[in-house]
Amino acid sequence: MDRTLTAERSWSNSKFVCALADSDRHLGHVIKDEKWHAYDATHLNEASQGFKYLGAFVAAAAGRRAVESSVEGVVPKKESWARAGGFAN
């Protein structure tokens, strides 16, 4: 398994699963079957029954980019949110 750093977030990559996380939580993942299926773990799907599905991709890198784009506005850490004017617990 390798780890690829993306700012304060990092990817953990294996042969069939790539998972994006920051120090507080899981943000999204890409899972391989015939294609790479990307999910945003910070938003619910339309039925509010699971993670938001972002689509199927031929390459893992494309799926990872879709996850990164979908969670781009998600504040990665409580400390970052507090610096941006939010309230930290």
N, C-alpha and C. Protein backbone atom coordinates (compact mmCIF):
# COMPACT_ATOMS: atom_id res chain seq x y z
N MET A 1 0.86 -1.17 0.00
CA MET A 1 0.00 0.00 0.00
C MET A 1 0.90 1.23 0.00
N ASP A 2 0.58 2.20 -0.86
CA ASP A 2 1.35 3.43 -0.83
C ASP A 2 0.45 4.58 -0.40
N ARG A 3 1.08 5.66 0.07
CA ARG A 3 0.34 6.83 0.54
C ARG A 3 0.79 8.03 -0.30
N THR A 4 -0.17 8.74 -0.87
CA THR A 4 0.11 9.91 -1.66
C THR A 4 -0.47 11.11 -0.93
N LEU A 5 0.37 12.11 -0.68
CA LEU A 5 -0.05 13.28 0.08
C LEU A 5 -0.72 14.32 -0.80
N THR A 6 -1.85 14.88 -0.34
CA THR A 6 -2.56 15.95 -1.02
C THR A 6 -2.86 17.02 0.02
N ALA A 7 -2.00 18.04 0.15
CA ALA A 7 -2.14 19.09 1.16
C ALA A 7 -2.21 18.44 2.54
N GLU A 8 -3.27 18.71 3.32
CA GLU A 8 -3.42 18.11 4.64
C GLU A 8 -4.14 16.78 4.57
N ARG A 9 -4.48 16.37 3.40
CA ARG A 9 -5.19 15.10 3.17
C ARG A 9 -4.22 14.11 2.54
N SER A 10 -4.51 12.84 2.70
CA SER A 10 -3.64 11.85 2.07
C SER A 10 -4.46 10.69 1.52
N TRP A 11 -3.94 10.11 0.45
CA TRP A 11 -4.53 8.92 -0.16
C TRP A 11 -3.79 7.69 0.32
N SER A 12 -4.53 6.66 0.68
CA SER A 12 -3.97 5.33 0.91
C SER A 12 -4.42 4.48 -0.27
N ASN A 13 -3.47 3.93 -0.99
CA ASN A 13 -3.78 3.23 -2.24
C ASN A 13 -3.35 1.77 -2.18
N SER A 14 -4.25 0.89 -2.60
CA SER A 14 -3.91 -0.53 -2.74
C SER A 14 -4.35 -0.97 -4.14
N LYS A 15 -4.29 -2.25 -4.42
CA LYS A 15 -4.63 -2.76 -5.75
C LYS A 15 -6.10 -2.53 -6.12
N PHE A 16 -7.01 -2.56 -5.13
CA PHE A 16 -8.44 -2.46 -5.41
C PHE A 16 -9.17 -1.32 -4.71
N VAL A 17 -8.51 -0.62 -3.79
CA VAL A 17 -9.16 0.45 -3.03
C VAL A 17 -8.20 1.61 -2.84
N CYS A 18 -8.71 2.83 -3.04
CA CYS A 18 -7.99 4.06 -2.72
C CYS A 18 -8.88 4.84 -1.77
N ALA A 19 -8.33 5.30 -0.66
CA ALA A 19 -9.13 6.02 0.34
C ALA A 19 -8.48 7.36 0.67
N LEU A 20 -9.27 8.42 0.65
CA LEU A 20 -8.80 9.76 0.97
C LEU A 20 -9.25 10.10 2.39
N ALA A 21 -8.33 10.61 3.21
CA ALA A 21 -8.66 10.98 4.59
C ALA A 21 -7.82 12.17 5.02
N ASP A 22 -8.31 12.87 6.03
CA ASP A 22 -7.49 13.86 6.71
C ASP A 22 -7.27 13.34 8.13
N SER A 23 -6.78 14.15 9.02
CA SER A 23 -6.49 13.66 10.36
C SER A 23 -7.74 13.38 11.18
N ASP A 24 -8.90 13.87 10.74
CA ASP A 24 -10.14 13.70 11.49
C ASP A 24 -11.07 12.63 10.95
N ARG A 25 -11.06 12.41 9.62
CA ARG A 25 -12.11 11.55 9.07
C ARG A 25 -11.78 11.03 7.67
N HIS A 26 -12.57 10.05 7.28
CA HIS A 26 -12.56 9.49 5.93
C HIS A 26 -13.34 10.44 5.02
N LEU A 27 -12.77 10.84 3.88
CA LEU A 27 -13.41 11.81 2.99
C LEU A 27 -14.02 11.17 1.75
N GLY A 28 -13.44 10.11 1.27
CA GLY A 28 -13.96 9.46 0.07
C GLY A 28 -13.11 8.27 -0.31
N HIS A 29 -13.60 7.52 -1.28
CA HIS A 29 -12.85 6.35 -1.71
C HIS A 29 -13.19 6.00 -3.16
N VAL A 30 -12.30 5.19 -3.73
CA VAL A 30 -12.45 4.68 -5.09
C VAL A 30 -12.23 3.17 -5.00
N ILE A 31 -13.19 2.40 -5.54
CA ILE A 31 -13.15 0.95 -5.42
C ILE A 31 -13.14 0.32 -6.81
N LYS A 32 -12.30 -0.67 -7.00
CA LYS A 32 -12.13 -1.33 -8.30
C LYS A 32 -12.95 -2.60 -8.41
N ASP A 33 -13.77 -2.69 -9.46
CA ASP A 33 -14.30 -3.97 -9.92
C ASP A 33 -13.93 -4.00 -11.39
N GLU A 34 -14.84 -3.95 -12.33
CA GLU A 34 -14.45 -3.83 -13.74
C GLU A 34 -13.93 -2.42 -14.03
N LYS A 35 -14.46 -1.43 -13.33
CA LYS A 35 -14.00 -0.04 -13.42
C LYS A 35 -13.75 0.45 -12.01
N TRP A 36 -13.25 1.68 -11.89
CA TRP A 36 -13.03 2.32 -10.60
C TRP A 36 -14.26 3.15 -10.26
N HIS A 37 -14.93 2.84 -9.16
CA HIS A 37 -16.13 3.54 -8.72
C HIS A 37 -15.77 4.51 -7.61
N ALA A 38 -16.11 5.79 -7.79
CA ALA A 38 -15.72 6.84 -6.85
C ALA A 38 -16.90 7.26 -5.98
N TYR A 39 -16.62 7.49 -4.69
CA TYR A 39 -17.64 7.89 -3.71
C TYR A 39 -17.12 9.05 -2.87
N ASP A 40 -17.99 10.01 -2.62
CA ASP A 40 -17.72 11.13 -1.72
C ASP A 40 -18.33 10.76 -0.37
N ALA A 41 -17.50 10.54 0.64
CA ALA A 41 -17.98 10.13 1.96
C ALA A 41 -18.44 11.31 2.81
N THR A 42 -18.34 12.53 2.28
CA THR A 42 -18.77 13.71 3.04
C THR A 42 -20.19 14.14 2.70
N HIS A 43 -20.78 13.52 1.68
CA HIS A 43 -22.14 13.85 1.27
C HIS A 43 -22.95 12.57 1.08
N LEU A 44 -24.24 12.64 1.40
CA LEU A 44 -25.13 11.50 1.20
C LEU A 44 -25.56 11.40 -0.26
N ASN A 45 -25.95 10.19 -0.66
CA ASN A 45 -26.51 10.03 -1.99
C ASN A 45 -27.93 10.62 -2.01
N GLU A 46 -28.57 10.63 -3.16
CA GLU A 46 -29.89 11.25 -3.29
C GLU A 46 -30.94 10.60 -2.40
N ALA A 47 -30.81 9.32 -2.11
CA ALA A 47 -31.77 8.61 -1.26
C ALA A 47 -31.41 8.74 0.23
N SER A 48 -30.32 9.43 0.52
CA SER A 48 -29.82 9.58 1.90
C SER A 48 -29.57 8.24 2.58
N GLN A 49 -29.09 7.28 1.79
CA GLN A 49 -28.85 5.93 2.31
C GLN A 49 -27.39 5.49 2.21
N GLY A 50 -26.51 6.37 1.79
CA GLY A 50 -25.12 5.98 1.65
C GLY A 50 -24.30 7.13 1.11
N PHE A 51 -23.07 6.84 0.75
CA PHE A 51 -22.17 7.85 0.22
C PHE A 51 -22.62 8.32 -1.17
N LYS A 52 -22.31 9.55 -1.50
CA LYS A 52 -22.62 10.11 -2.81
C LYS A 52 -21.76 9.41 -3.86
N TYR A 53 -22.41 8.83 -4.86
CA TYR A 53 -21.70 8.14 -5.95
C TYR A 53 -21.29 9.17 -6.99
N LEU A 54 -20.01 9.15 -7.36
CA LEU A 54 -19.48 10.13 -8.31
C LEU A 54 -19.30 9.59 -9.71
N GLY A 55 -19.38 8.28 -9.88
CA GLY A 55 -19.28 7.71 -11.21
C GLY A 55 -18.26 6.60 -11.31
N ALA A 56 -18.20 6.00 -12.51
CA ALA A 56 -17.26 4.92 -12.81
C ALA A 56 -16.19 5.46 -13.75
N PHE A 57 -14.96 5.05 -13.51
CA PHE A 57 -13.81 5.57 -14.26
C PHE A 57 -12.92 4.42 -14.71
N VAL A 58 -12.28 4.60 -15.86
CA VAL A 58 -11.37 3.58 -16.38
C VAL A 58 -10.09 3.54 -15.55
N ALA A 59 -9.61 4.71 -15.11
CA ALA A 59 -8.36 4.79 -14.36
C ALA A 59 -8.61 5.24 -12.92
N ALA A 60 -7.82 4.68 -12.00
CA ALA A 60 -7.93 5.06 -10.59
C ALA A 60 -7.66 6.55 -10.41
N ALA A 61 -6.70 7.08 -11.15
CA ALA A 61 -6.34 8.50 -11.00
C ALA A 61 -7.53 9.40 -11.32
N ALA A 62 -8.33 9.05 -12.31
CA ALA A 62 -9.51 9.84 -12.66
C ALA A 62 -10.55 9.78 -11.54
N GLY A 63 -10.71 8.61 -10.94
CA GLY A 63 -11.63 8.47 -9.80
C GLY A 63 -11.16 9.28 -8.61
N ARG A 64 -9.84 9.26 -8.35
CA ARG A 64 -9.30 10.05 -7.24
C ARG A 64 -9.51 11.54 -7.48
N ARG A 65 -9.33 11.98 -8.72
CA ARG A 65 -9.57 13.40 -9.04
C ARG A 65 -11.03 13.77 -8.81
N ALA A 66 -11.95 12.88 -9.14
CA ALA A 66 -13.38 13.14 -8.92
C ALA A 66 -13.68 13.30 -7.43
N VAL A 67 -13.09 12.44 -6.61
CA VAL A 67 -13.29 12.55 -5.16
C VAL A 67 -12.71 13.86 -4.66
N GLU A 68 -11.50 14.18 -5.06
CA GLU A 68 -10.87 15.42 -4.62
C GLU A 68 -11.69 16.64 -5.01
N SER A 69 -12.22 16.64 -6.22
CA SER A 69 -13.05 17.77 -6.67
C SER A 69 -14.34 17.86 -5.85
N SER A 70 -14.93 16.73 -5.54
CA SER A 70 -16.20 16.72 -4.81
C SER A 70 -16.04 17.18 -3.37
N VAL A 71 -14.92 16.85 -2.75
CA VAL A 71 -14.71 17.22 -1.34
C VAL A 71 -13.87 18.49 -1.20
N GLU A 72 -13.59 19.16 -2.30
CA GLU A 72 -12.71 20.33 -2.28
C GLU A 72 -13.13 21.39 -1.26
N GLY A 73 -14.41 21.65 -1.11
CA GLY A 73 -14.88 22.67 -0.18
C GLY A 73 -14.99 22.20 1.25
N VAL A 74 -14.73 20.92 1.50
CA VAL A 74 -14.84 20.37 2.85
C VAL A 74 -13.59 20.77 3.64
N VAL A 75 -13.78 21.39 4.79
CA VAL A 75 -12.65 21.83 5.60
C VAL A 75 -11.96 20.60 6.17
N PRO A 76 -10.64 20.46 5.95
CA PRO A 76 -9.96 19.23 6.32
C PRO A 76 -9.75 19.01 7.82
N LYS A 77 -9.67 20.06 8.63
CA LYS A 77 -9.42 19.89 10.06
C LYS A 77 -10.19 20.92 10.84
N LYS A 78 -10.53 20.59 12.09
CA LYS A 78 -11.21 21.54 12.95
C LYS A 78 -10.39 22.81 13.12
N GLU A 79 -9.08 22.68 13.25
CA GLU A 79 -8.22 23.84 13.43
C GLU A 79 -8.30 24.76 12.22
N SER A 80 -8.34 24.18 11.02
CA SER A 80 -8.44 24.99 9.79
C SER A 80 -9.77 25.72 9.76
N TRP A 81 -10.83 25.05 10.17
CA TRP A 81 -12.15 25.66 10.19
C TRP A 81 -12.17 26.82 11.18
N ALA A 82 -11.52 26.65 12.33
CA ALA A 82 -11.47 27.72 13.33
C ALA A 82 -10.70 28.92 12.78
N ARG A 83 -9.61 28.67 12.06
CA ARG A 83 -8.85 29.79 11.47
C ARG A 83 -9.67 30.51 10.41
N ALA A 84 -10.61 29.79 9.79
CA ALA A 84 -11.44 30.40 8.74
C ALA A 84 -12.63 31.12 9.33
N GLY A 85 -12.73 31.19 10.65
CA GLY A 85 -13.83 31.94 11.28
C GLY A 85 -14.92 31.07 11.84
N GLY A 86 -14.76 29.74 11.79
CA GLY A 86 -15.77 28.84 12.33
C GLY A 86 -15.58 28.62 13.81
N PHE A 87 -16.38 27.79 14.39
CA PHE A 87 -16.29 27.46 15.80
C PHE A 87 -15.66 26.10 15.99
N ALA A 88 -14.66 26.00 16.82
CA ALA A 88 -14.00 24.72 17.09
C ALA A 88 -14.43 24.21 18.45
N ASN A 89 -14.60 22.91 18.56
CA ASN A 89 -14.95 22.29 19.85
C ASN A 89 -13.70 21.76 20.51
